[in-house]
């Protein structure tokens, strides 16, 4: 298994406070996408980070060795609609609580 910390970078620093109606729809789909993968035990944890310089999202993933994290995150509805992108960081170890 491989583990990643993924950072969702929105298209602008004030994204969460200035969502258009279309972006609001996409952000809900984004949350549902991550919740679904959490239920499938692919995403370990996820949530928004309220940084004063501009919010972003963080998720921790654990995927099979033959899977491609960039391919999976490219299927996120908000990414597919061009409203942001992911940065992917390989984790050398992922320890979780029981």
PDB file of N, CA and C in Angstrom:
ATOM      1  N   UNK A   1       0.838  -1.181   0.000  1.00  0.00           N
ATOM      2  CA  UNK A   1       0.000   0.000   0.000  1.00  0.00           C
ATOM      3  C   UNK A   1       0.885   1.247   0.000  1.00  0.00           C
ATOM      4  N   UNK A   2       0.389   2.273  -0.682  1.00  0.00           N
ATOM      5  CA  UNK A   2       1.077   3.566  -0.729  1.00  0.00           C
ATOM      6  C   UNK A   2       0.210   4.584   0.008  1.00  0.00           C
ATOM      7  N   UNK A   3       0.850   5.577   0.605  1.00  0.00           N
ATOM      8  CA  UNK A   3       0.125   6.625   1.329  1.00  0.00           C
ATOM      9  C   UNK A   3       0.546   7.991   0.812  1.00  0.00           C
ATOM     10  N   UNK A   4      -0.426   8.897   0.781  1.00  0.00           N
ATOM     11  CA  UNK A   4      -0.203  10.261   0.291  1.00  0.00           C
ATOM     12  C   UNK A   4      -0.936  11.271   1.162  1.00  0.00           C
ATOM     13  N   UNK A   5      -0.315  12.413   1.313  1.00  0.00           N
ATOM     14  CA  UNK A   5      -0.994  13.597   1.795  1.00  0.00           C
ATOM     15  C   UNK A   5      -1.292  14.416   0.536  1.00  0.00           C
ATOM     16  N   UNK A   6      -2.548  14.736   0.342  1.00  0.00           N
ATOM     17  CA  UNK A   6      -2.936  15.507  -0.837  1.00  0.00           C
ATOM     18  C   UNK A   6      -3.499  16.847  -0.396  1.00  0.00           C
ATOM     19  N   UNK A   7      -3.094  17.869  -1.085  1.00  0.00           N
ATOM     20  CA  UNK A   7      -3.545  19.231  -0.795  1.00  0.00           C
ATOM     21  C   UNK A   7      -4.360  19.714  -1.993  1.00  0.00           C
ATOM     22  N   UNK A   8      -5.636  20.039  -1.744  1.00  0.00           N
ATOM     23  CA  UNK A   8      -6.475  20.586  -2.800  1.00  0.00           C
ATOM     24  C   UNK A   8      -6.279  22.097  -2.820  1.00  0.00           C
ATOM     25  N   UNK A   9      -5.840  22.615  -3.941  1.00  0.00           N
ATOM     26  CA  UNK A   9      -5.577  24.042  -4.107  1.00  0.00           C
ATOM     27  C   UNK A   9      -6.732  24.645  -4.914  1.00  0.00           C
ATOM     28  N   UNK A  10      -7.527  25.517  -4.293  1.00  0.00           N
ATOM     29  CA  UNK A  10      -8.631  26.144  -5.024  1.00  0.00           C
ATOM     30  C   UNK A  10      -8.107  27.201  -6.001  1.00  0.00           C
ATOM     31  N   UNK A  11      -8.974  27.669  -6.884  1.00  0.00           N
ATOM     32  CA  UNK A  11      -8.530  28.606  -7.918  1.00  0.00           C
ATOM     33  C   UNK A  11      -8.201  30.016  -7.428  1.00  0.00           C
ATOM     34  N   UNK A  12      -8.624  30.360  -6.200  1.00  0.00           N
ATOM     35  CA  UNK A  12      -8.325  31.690  -5.659  1.00  0.00           C
ATOM     36  C   UNK A  12      -8.330  31.611  -4.126  1.00  0.00           C
ATOM     37  N   UNK A  13      -7.624  32.521  -3.478  1.00  0.00           N
ATOM     38  CA  UNK A  13      -7.456  32.483  -2.021  1.00  0.00           C
ATOM     39  C   UNK A  13      -8.778  32.607  -1.268  1.00  0.00           C
ATOM     40  N   UNK A  14      -9.714  33.394  -1.785  1.00  0.00           N
ATOM     41  CA  UNK A  14     -10.991  33.598  -1.089  1.00  0.00           C
ATOM     42  C   UNK A  14     -12.105  32.698  -1.633  1.00  0.00           C
ATOM     43  N   UNK A  15     -11.725  31.563  -2.199  1.00  0.00           N
ATOM     44  CA  UNK A  15     -12.652  30.664  -2.875  1.00  0.00           C
ATOM     45  C   UNK A  15     -13.871  30.307  -2.027  1.00  0.00           C
ATOM     46  N   UNK A  16     -13.645  29.848  -0.792  1.00  0.00           N
ATOM     47  CA  UNK A  16     -14.770  29.395   0.034  1.00  0.00           C
ATOM     48  C   UNK A  16     -15.742  30.515   0.392  1.00  0.00           C
ATOM     49  N   UNK A  17     -15.274  31.739   0.449  1.00  0.00           N
ATOM     50  CA  UNK A  17     -16.170  32.851   0.802  1.00  0.00           C
ATOM     51  C   UNK A  17     -16.767  33.546  -0.419  1.00  0.00           C
ATOM     52  N   UNK A  18     -16.329  33.151  -1.610  1.00  0.00           N
ATOM     53  CA  UNK A  18     -16.828  33.813  -2.830  1.00  0.00           C
ATOM     54  C   UNK A  18     -17.341  32.813  -3.867  1.00  0.00           C
ATOM     55  N   UNK A  19     -17.797  31.651  -3.409  1.00  0.00           N
ATOM     56  CA  UNK A  19     -18.276  30.621  -4.331  1.00  0.00           C
ATOM     57  C   UNK A  19     -19.418  31.124  -5.203  1.00  0.00           C
ATOM     58  N   UNK A  20     -19.331  30.835  -6.481  1.00  0.00           N
ATOM     59  CA  UNK A  20     -20.477  31.063  -7.359  1.00  0.00           C
ATOM     60  C   UNK A  20     -21.453  29.915  -7.128  1.00  0.00           C
ATOM     61  N   UNK A  21     -22.647  30.007  -7.663  1.00  0.00           N
ATOM     62  CA  UNK A  21     -23.619  28.924  -7.491  1.00  0.00           C
ATOM     63  C   UNK A  21     -23.106  27.627  -8.127  1.00  0.00           C
ATOM     64  N   UNK A  22     -22.433  27.742  -9.258  1.00  0.00           N
ATOM     65  CA  UNK A  22     -21.856  26.551  -9.893  1.00  0.00           C
ATOM     66  C   UNK A  22     -20.758  25.954  -9.027  1.00  0.00           C
ATOM     67  N   UNK A  23     -19.886  26.801  -8.492  1.00  0.00           N
ATOM     68  CA  UNK A  23     -18.801  26.316  -7.637  1.00  0.00           C
ATOM     69  C   UNK A  23     -19.344  25.683  -6.363  1.00  0.00           C
ATOM     70  N   UNK A  24     -20.428  26.230  -5.817  1.00  0.00           N
ATOM     71  CA  UNK A  24     -21.043  25.650  -4.621  1.00  0.00           C
ATOM     72  C   UNK A  24     -21.524  24.228  -4.913  1.00  0.00           C
ATOM     73  N   UNK A  25     -22.086  24.032  -6.096  1.00  0.00           N
ATOM     74  CA  UNK A  25     -22.519  22.691  -6.513  1.00  0.00           C
ATOM     75  C   UNK A  25     -21.310  21.764  -6.601  1.00  0.00           C
ATOM     76  N   UNK A  26     -20.232  22.241  -7.213  1.00  0.00           N
ATOM     77  CA  UNK A  26     -19.038  21.421  -7.373  1.00  0.00           C
ATOM     78  C   UNK A  26     -18.383  21.092  -6.037  1.00  0.00           C
ATOM     79  N   UNK A  27     -18.409  22.050  -5.089  1.00  0.00           N
ATOM     80  CA  UNK A  27     -17.774  21.787  -3.794  1.00  0.00           C
ATOM     81  C   UNK A  27     -18.552  20.715  -3.032  1.00  0.00           C
ATOM     82  N   UNK A  28     -19.875  20.687  -3.196  1.00  0.00           N
ATOM     83  CA  UNK A  28     -20.682  19.619  -2.584  1.00  0.00           C
ATOM     84  C   UNK A  28     -20.345  18.276  -3.220  1.00  0.00           C
ATOM     85  N   UNK A  29     -20.193  18.264  -4.539  1.00  0.00           N
ATOM     86  CA  UNK A  29     -19.820  17.031  -5.231  1.00  0.00           C
ATOM     87  C   UNK A  29     -18.417  16.584  -4.822  1.00  0.00           C
ATOM     88  N   UNK A  30     -17.534  17.541  -4.614  1.00  0.00           N
ATOM     89  CA  UNK A  30     -16.166  17.268  -4.140  1.00  0.00           C
ATOM     90  C   UNK A  30     -16.227  16.570  -2.780  1.00  0.00           C
ATOM     91  N   UNK A  31     -17.030  17.115  -1.868  1.00  0.00           N
ATOM     92  CA  UNK A  31     -17.180  16.509  -0.542  1.00  0.00           C
ATOM     93  C   UNK A  31     -17.761  15.106  -0.618  1.00  0.00           C
ATOM     94  N   UNK A  32     -18.771  14.921  -1.476  1.00  0.00           N
ATOM     95  CA  UNK A  32     -19.383  13.600  -1.641  1.00  0.00           C
ATOM     96  C   UNK A  32     -18.380  12.604  -2.224  1.00  0.00           C
ATOM     97  N   UNK A  33     -17.551  13.067  -3.160  1.00  0.00           N
ATOM     98  CA  UNK A  33     -16.508  12.231  -3.760  1.00  0.00           C
ATOM     99  C   UNK A  33     -15.549  11.739  -2.678  1.00  0.00           C
ATOM    100  N   UNK A  34     -15.068  12.656  -1.840  1.00  0.00           N
ATOM    101  CA  UNK A  34     -14.130  12.281  -0.777  1.00  0.00           C
ATOM    102  C   UNK A  34     -14.804  11.434   0.293  1.00  0.00           C
ATOM    103  N   UNK A  35     -16.059  11.752   0.634  1.00  0.00           N
ATOM    104  CA  UNK A  35     -16.790  10.933   1.615  1.00  0.00           C
ATOM    105  C   UNK A  35     -16.946   9.499   1.116  1.00  0.00           C
ATOM    106  N   UNK A  36     -17.253   9.353  -0.167  1.00  0.00           N
ATOM    107  CA  UNK A  36     -17.413   8.019  -0.752  1.00  0.00           C
ATOM    108  C   UNK A  36     -16.111   7.228  -0.650  1.00  0.00           C
ATOM    109  N   UNK A  37     -14.996   7.883  -0.972  1.00  0.00           N
ATOM    110  CA  UNK A  37     -13.704   7.211  -0.886  1.00  0.00           C
ATOM    111  C   UNK A  37     -13.290   6.952   0.563  1.00  0.00           C
ATOM    112  N   UNK A  38     -13.770   7.775   1.479  1.00  0.00           N
ATOM    113  CA  UNK A  38     -13.532   7.517   2.896  1.00  0.00           C
ATOM    114  C   UNK A  38     -14.288   6.261   3.320  1.00  0.00           C
ATOM    115  N   UNK A  39     -15.535   6.152   2.876  1.00  0.00           N
ATOM    116  CA  UNK A  39     -16.333   4.960   3.186  1.00  0.00           C
ATOM    117  C   UNK A  39     -15.720   3.696   2.596  1.00  0.00           C
ATOM    118  N   UNK A  40     -15.022   3.842   1.453  1.00  0.00           N
ATOM    119  CA  UNK A  40     -14.349   2.704   0.816  1.00  0.00           C
ATOM    120  C   UNK A  40     -12.975   2.448   1.423  1.00  0.00           C
ATOM    121  N   UNK A  41     -12.582   3.261   2.398  1.00  0.00           N
ATOM    122  CA  UNK A  41     -11.307   3.144   3.101  1.00  0.00           C
ATOM    123  C   UNK A  41     -10.102   3.444   2.211  1.00  0.00           C
ATOM    124  N   UNK A  42     -10.317   4.291   1.217  1.00  0.00           N
ATOM    125  CA  UNK A  42      -9.228   4.775   0.356  1.00  0.00           C
ATOM    126  C   UNK A  42      -8.700   6.080   0.932  1.00  0.00           C
ATOM    127  N   UNK A  43      -9.617   6.981   1.282  1.00  0.00           N
ATOM    128  CA  UNK A  43      -9.259   8.215   1.968  1.00  0.00           C
ATOM    129  C   UNK A  43      -9.352   7.945   3.467  1.00  0.00           C
ATOM    130  N   UNK A  44      -8.285   8.263   4.175  1.00  0.00           N
ATOM    131  CA  UNK A  44      -8.222   8.036   5.618  1.00  0.00           C
ATOM    132  C   UNK A  44      -8.899   9.183   6.367  1.00  0.00           C
ATOM    133  N   UNK A  45      -8.672  10.409   5.888  1.00  0.00           N
ATOM    134  CA  UNK A  45      -9.251  11.607   6.508  1.00  0.00           C
ATOM    135  C   UNK A  45      -9.204  12.735   5.490  1.00  0.00           C
ATOM    136  N   UNK A  46     -10.149  13.675   5.618  1.00  0.00           N
ATOM    137  CA  UNK A  46     -10.136  14.839   4.726  1.00  0.00           C
ATOM    138  C   UNK A  46     -10.901  15.983   5.370  1.00  0.00           C
ATOM    139  N   UNK A  47     -10.581  17.205   4.927  1.00  0.00           N
ATOM    140  CA  UNK A  47     -11.309  18.366   5.416  1.00  0.00           C
ATOM    141  C   UNK A  47     -10.662  19.669   4.973  1.00  0.00           C
ATOM    142  N   UNK A  48     -11.431  20.759   5.113  1.00  0.00           N
ATOM    143  CA  UNK A  48     -10.918  22.078   4.736  1.00  0.00           C
ATOM    144  C   UNK A  48      -9.988  22.643   5.806  1.00  0.00           C
ATOM    145  N   UNK A  49      -9.012  23.405   5.362  1.00  0.00           N
ATOM    146  CA  UNK A  49      -8.073  24.090   6.254  1.00  0.00           C
ATOM    147  C   UNK A  49      -8.305  25.584   6.086  1.00  0.00           C
ATOM    148  N   UNK A  50      -8.601  26.259   7.177  1.00  0.00           N
ATOM    149  CA  UNK A  50      -8.900  27.686   7.132  1.00  0.00           C
ATOM    150  C   UNK A  50      -7.625  28.469   7.409  1.00  0.00           C
ATOM    151  N   UNK A  51      -6.840  28.659   6.391  1.00  0.00           N
ATOM    152  CA  UNK A  51      -5.586  29.402   6.468  1.00  0.00           C
ATOM    153  C   UNK A  51      -5.894  30.879   6.181  1.00  0.00           C
ATOM    154  N   UNK A  52      -5.426  31.815   7.023  1.00  0.00           N
ATOM    155  CA  UNK A  52      -5.682  33.234   6.768  1.00  0.00           C
ATOM    156  C   UNK A  52      -5.162  33.711   5.404  1.00  0.00           C
ATOM    157  N   UNK A  53      -4.165  33.021   4.865  1.00  0.00           N
ATOM    158  CA  UNK A  53      -3.622  33.388   3.553  1.00  0.00           C
ATOM    159  C   UNK A  53      -4.461  32.828   2.409  1.00  0.00           C
ATOM    160  N   UNK A  54      -5.406  31.961   2.737  1.00  0.00           N
ATOM    161  CA  UNK A  54      -6.251  31.323   1.731  1.00  0.00           C
ATOM    162  C   UNK A  54      -6.491  29.868   2.085  1.00  0.00           C
ATOM    163  N   UNK A  55      -7.767  29.489   2.166  1.00  0.00           N
ATOM    164  CA  UNK A  55      -8.110  28.130   2.542  1.00  0.00           C
ATOM    165  C   UNK A  55      -7.727  27.122   1.467  1.00  0.00           C
ATOM    166  N   UNK A  56      -7.633  25.879   1.879  1.00  0.00           N
ATOM    167  CA  UNK A  56      -7.343  24.772   0.978  1.00  0.00           C
ATOM    168  C   UNK A  56      -7.868  23.501   1.632  1.00  0.00           C
ATOM    169  N   UNK A  57      -7.820  22.408   0.922  1.00  0.00           N
ATOM    170  CA  UNK A  57      -8.260  21.130   1.472  1.00  0.00           C
ATOM    171  C   UNK A  57      -7.098  20.184   1.654  1.00  0.00           C
ATOM    172  N   UNK A  58      -7.214  19.318   2.654  1.00  0.00           N
ATOM    173  CA  UNK A  58      -6.196  18.315   2.910  1.00  0.00           C
ATOM    174  C   UNK A  58      -6.876  16.957   3.008  1.00  0.00           C
ATOM    175  N   UNK A  59      -6.229  15.960   2.425  1.00  0.00           N
ATOM    176  CA  UNK A  59      -6.721  14.589   2.546  1.00  0.00           C
ATOM    177  C   UNK A  59      -5.534  13.645   2.651  1.00  0.00           C
ATOM    178  N   UNK A  60      -5.741  12.571   3.372  1.00  0.00           N
ATOM    179  CA  UNK A  60      -4.734  11.526   3.504  1.00  0.00           C
ATOM    180  C   UNK A  60      -5.315  10.279   2.853  1.00  0.00           C
ATOM    181  N   UNK A  61      -4.532   9.716   1.964  1.00  0.00           N
ATOM    182  CA  UNK A  61      -4.971   8.575   1.156  1.00  0.00           C
ATOM    183  C   UNK A  61      -4.094   7.365   1.412  1.00  0.00           C
ATOM    184  N   UNK A  62      -4.687   6.180   1.282  1.00  0.00           N
ATOM    185  CA  UNK A  62      -3.928   4.936   1.280  1.00  0.00           C
ATOM    186  C   UNK A  62      -4.471   4.108   0.111  1.00  0.00           C
ATOM    187  N   UNK A  63      -3.615   3.875  -0.882  1.00  0.00           N
ATOM    188  CA  UNK A  63      -4.050   3.202  -2.103  1.00  0.00           C
ATOM    189  C   UNK A  63      -3.152   2.002  -2.400  1.00  0.00           C
ATOM    190  N   UNK A  64      -3.653   1.129  -3.237  1.00  0.00           N
ATOM    191  CA  UNK A  64      -2.884  -0.053  -3.643  1.00  0.00           C
ATOM    192  C   UNK A  64      -1.653   0.379  -4.436  1.00  0.00           C
ATOM    193  N   UNK A  65      -0.636  -0.451  -4.388  1.00  0.00           N
ATOM    194  CA  UNK A  65       0.626  -0.146  -5.076  1.00  0.00           C
ATOM    195  C   UNK A  65       0.445   0.069  -6.576  1.00  0.00           C
ATOM    196  N   UNK A  66      -0.537  -0.586  -7.179  1.00  0.00           N
ATOM    197  CA  UNK A  66      -0.733  -0.457  -8.620  1.00  0.00           C
ATOM    198  C   UNK A  66      -1.663   0.698  -9.007  1.00  0.00           C
ATOM    199  N   UNK A  67      -2.115   1.475  -8.036  1.00  0.00           N
ATOM    200  CA  UNK A  67      -2.984   2.616  -8.336  1.00  0.00           C
ATOM    201  C   UNK A  67      -2.163   3.897  -8.482  1.00  0.00           C
ATOM    202  N   UNK A  68      -2.725   4.862  -9.214  1.00  0.00           N
ATOM    203  CA  UNK A  68      -2.068   6.134  -9.493  1.00  0.00           C
ATOM    204  C   UNK A  68      -2.858   7.259  -8.825  1.00  0.00           C
ATOM    205  N   UNK A  69      -2.255   7.914  -7.843  1.00  0.00           N
ATOM    206  CA  UNK A  69      -2.953   8.954  -7.084  1.00  0.00           C
ATOM    207  C   UNK A  69      -3.400  10.102  -7.978  1.00  0.00           C
ATOM    208  N   UNK A  70      -2.599  10.481  -8.957  1.00  0.00           N
ATOM    209  CA  UNK A  70      -2.975  11.582  -9.846  1.00  0.00           C
ATOM    210  C   UNK A  70      -4.192  11.230 -10.690  1.00  0.00           C
ATOM    211  N   UNK A  71      -4.272   9.983 -11.117  1.00  0.00           N
ATOM    212  CA  UNK A  71      -5.431   9.549 -11.891  1.00  0.00           C
ATOM    213  C   UNK A  71      -6.695   9.581 -11.025  1.00  0.00           C
ATOM    214  N   UNK A  72      -6.568   9.139  -9.783  1.00  0.00           N
ATOM    215  CA  UNK A  72      -7.734   9.102  -8.892  1.00  0.00           C
ATOM    216  C   UNK A  72      -8.209  10.524  -8.590  1.00  0.00           C
ATOM    217  N   UNK A  73      -7.297  11.411  -8.189  1.00  0.00           N
ATOM    218  CA  UNK A  73      -7.722  12.765  -7.826  1.00  0.00           C
ATOM    219  C   UNK A  73      -8.206  13.559  -9.033  1.00  0.00           C
ATOM    220  N   UNK A  74      -7.785  13.179 -10.226  1.00  0.00           N
ATOM    221  CA  UNK A  74      -8.279  13.867 -11.428  1.00  0.00           C
ATOM    222  C   UNK A  74      -9.765  13.598 -11.666  1.00  0.00           C
ATOM    223  N   UNK A  75     -10.308  12.583 -10.991  1.00  0.00           N
ATOM    224  CA  UNK A  75     -11.728  12.251 -11.125  1.00  0.00           C
ATOM    225  C   UNK A  75     -12.607  13.049 -10.164  1.00  0.00           C
ATOM    226  N   UNK A  76     -11.999  13.827  -9.280  1.00  0.00           N
ATOM    227  CA  UNK A  76     -12.757  14.673  -8.352  1.00  0.00           C
ATOM    228  C   UNK A  76     -13.583  15.660  -9.174  1.00  0.00           C
ATOM    229  N   UNK A  77     -14.898  15.741  -8.927  1.00  0.00           N
ATOM    230  CA  UNK A  77     -15.747  16.626  -9.730  1.00  0.00           C
ATOM    231  C   UNK A  77     -15.285  18.084  -9.770  1.00  0.00           C
ATOM    232  N   UNK A  78     -14.744  18.586  -8.685  1.00  0.00           N
ATOM    233  CA  UNK A  78     -14.317  19.988  -8.692  1.00  0.00           C
ATOM    234  C   UNK A  78     -13.092  20.187  -9.587  1.00  0.00           C
ATOM    235  N   UNK A  79     -12.224  19.187  -9.629  1.00  0.00           N
ATOM    236  CA  UNK A  79     -11.058  19.234 -10.518  1.00  0.00           C
ATOM    237  C   UNK A  79     -11.518  19.086 -11.967  1.00  0.00           C
ATOM    238  N   UNK A  80     -12.427  18.154 -12.208  1.00  0.00           N
ATOM    239  CA  UNK A  80     -12.930  17.930 -13.569  1.00  0.00           C
ATOM    240  C   UNK A  80     -13.596  19.186 -14.135  1.00  0.00           C
ATOM    241  N   UNK A  81     -14.121  20.046 -13.245  1.00  0.00           N
ATOM    242  CA  UNK A  81     -14.760  21.285 -13.687  1.00  0.00           C
ATOM    243  C   UNK A  81     -13.792  22.465 -13.702  1.00  0.00           C
ATOM    244  N   UNK A  82     -12.513  22.210 -13.466  1.00  0.00           N
ATOM    245  CA  UNK A  82     -11.489  23.245 -13.593  1.00  0.00           C
ATOM    246  C   UNK A  82     -11.423  24.227 -12.443  1.00  0.00           C
ATOM    247  N   UNK A  83     -11.963  23.852 -11.283  1.00  0.00           N
ATOM    248  CA  UNK A  83     -11.970  24.771 -10.138  1.00  0.00           C
ATOM    249  C   UNK A  83     -10.951  24.344  -9.090  1.00  0.00           C
ATOM    250  N   UNK A  84      -9.707  24.185  -9.507  1.00  0.00           N
ATOM    251  CA  UNK A  84      -8.652  23.841  -8.571  1.00  0.00           C
ATOM    252  C   UNK A  84      -7.905  22.599  -8.997  1.00  0.00           C
ATOM    253  N   UNK A  85      -6.894  22.255  -8.218  1.00  0.00           N
ATOM    254  CA  UNK A  85      -6.063  21.092  -8.506  1.00  0.00           C
ATOM    255  C   UNK A  85      -5.482  20.540  -7.210  1.00  0.00           C
ATOM    256  N   UNK A  86      -4.916  19.372  -7.295  1.00  0.00           N
ATOM    257  CA  UNK A  86      -4.276  18.726  -6.151  1.00  0.00           C
ATOM    258  C   UNK A  86      -2.756  18.776  -6.276  1.00  0.00           C
ATOM    259  N   UNK A  87      -2.119  18.871  -5.114  1.00  0.00           N
ATOM    260  CA  UNK A  87      -0.697  18.579  -4.973  1.00  0.00           C
ATOM    261  C   UNK A  87      -0.628  17.257  -4.217  1.00  0.00           C
ATOM    262  N   UNK A  88       0.314  16.398  -4.582  1.00  0.00           N
ATOM    263  CA  UNK A  88       0.420  15.060  -3.990  1.00  0.00           C
ATOM    264  C   UNK A  88       1.779  14.901  -3.321  1.00  0.00           C
ATOM    265  N   UNK A  89       1.766  14.451  -2.076  1.00  0.00           N
ATOM    266  CA  UNK A  89       3.001  14.267  -1.325  1.00  0.00           C
ATOM    267  C   UNK A  89       3.063  12.825  -0.821  1.00  0.00           C
ATOM    268  N   UNK A  90       4.084  12.102  -1.232  1.00  0.00           N
ATOM    269  CA  UNK A  90       4.270  10.720  -0.802  1.00  0.00           C
ATOM    270  C   UNK A  90       4.604  10.685   0.682  1.00  0.00           C
ATOM    271  N   UNK A  91       3.960   9.784   1.396  1.00  0.00           N
ATOM    272  CA  UNK A  91       4.255   9.575   2.808  1.00  0.00           C
ATOM    273  C   UNK A  91       5.076   8.287   2.931  1.00  0.00           C
ATOM    274  N   UNK A  92       6.137   8.327   3.702  1.00  0.00           N
ATOM    275  CA  UNK A  92       6.986   7.147   3.858  1.00  0.00           C
ATOM    276  C   UNK A  92       6.310   6.096   4.730  1.00  0.00           C
ATOM    277  N   UNK A  93       5.426   6.546   5.622  1.00  0.00           N
ATOM    278  CA  UNK A  93       4.723   5.643   6.524  1.00  0.00           C
ATOM    279  C   UNK A  93       3.415   6.300   6.908  1.00  0.00           C
ATOM    280  N   UNK A  94       2.397   5.473   7.093  1.00  0.00           N
ATOM    281  CA  UNK A  94       1.109   5.977   7.568  1.00  0.00           C
ATOM    282  C   UNK A  94       0.702   5.153   8.780  1.00  0.00           C
ATOM    283  N   UNK A  95       0.739   5.769   9.936  1.00  0.00           N
ATOM    284  CA  UNK A  95       0.300   5.123  11.160  1.00  0.00           C
ATOM    285  C   UNK A  95      -1.058   5.720  11.528  1.00  0.00           C
ATOM    286  N   UNK A  96      -2.012   4.880  11.867  1.00  0.00           N
ATOM    287  CA  UNK A  96      -3.344   5.340  12.238  1.00  0.00           C
ATOM    288  C   UNK A  96      -3.725   4.779  13.584  1.00  0.00           C
ATOM    289  N   UNK A  97      -4.660   5.415  14.201  1.00  0.00           N
ATOM    290  CA  UNK A  97      -5.152   4.876  15.468  1.00  0.00           C
ATOM    291  C   UNK A  97      -6.248   3.854  15.183  1.00  0.00           C
ATOM    292  N   UNK A  98      -6.385   2.933  16.079  1.00  0.00           N
ATOM    293  CA  UNK A  98      -7.376   1.852  15.894  1.00  0.00           C
ATOM    294  C   UNK A  98      -8.773   2.324  16.192  1.00  0.00           C
TER     295      UNK A  98
END
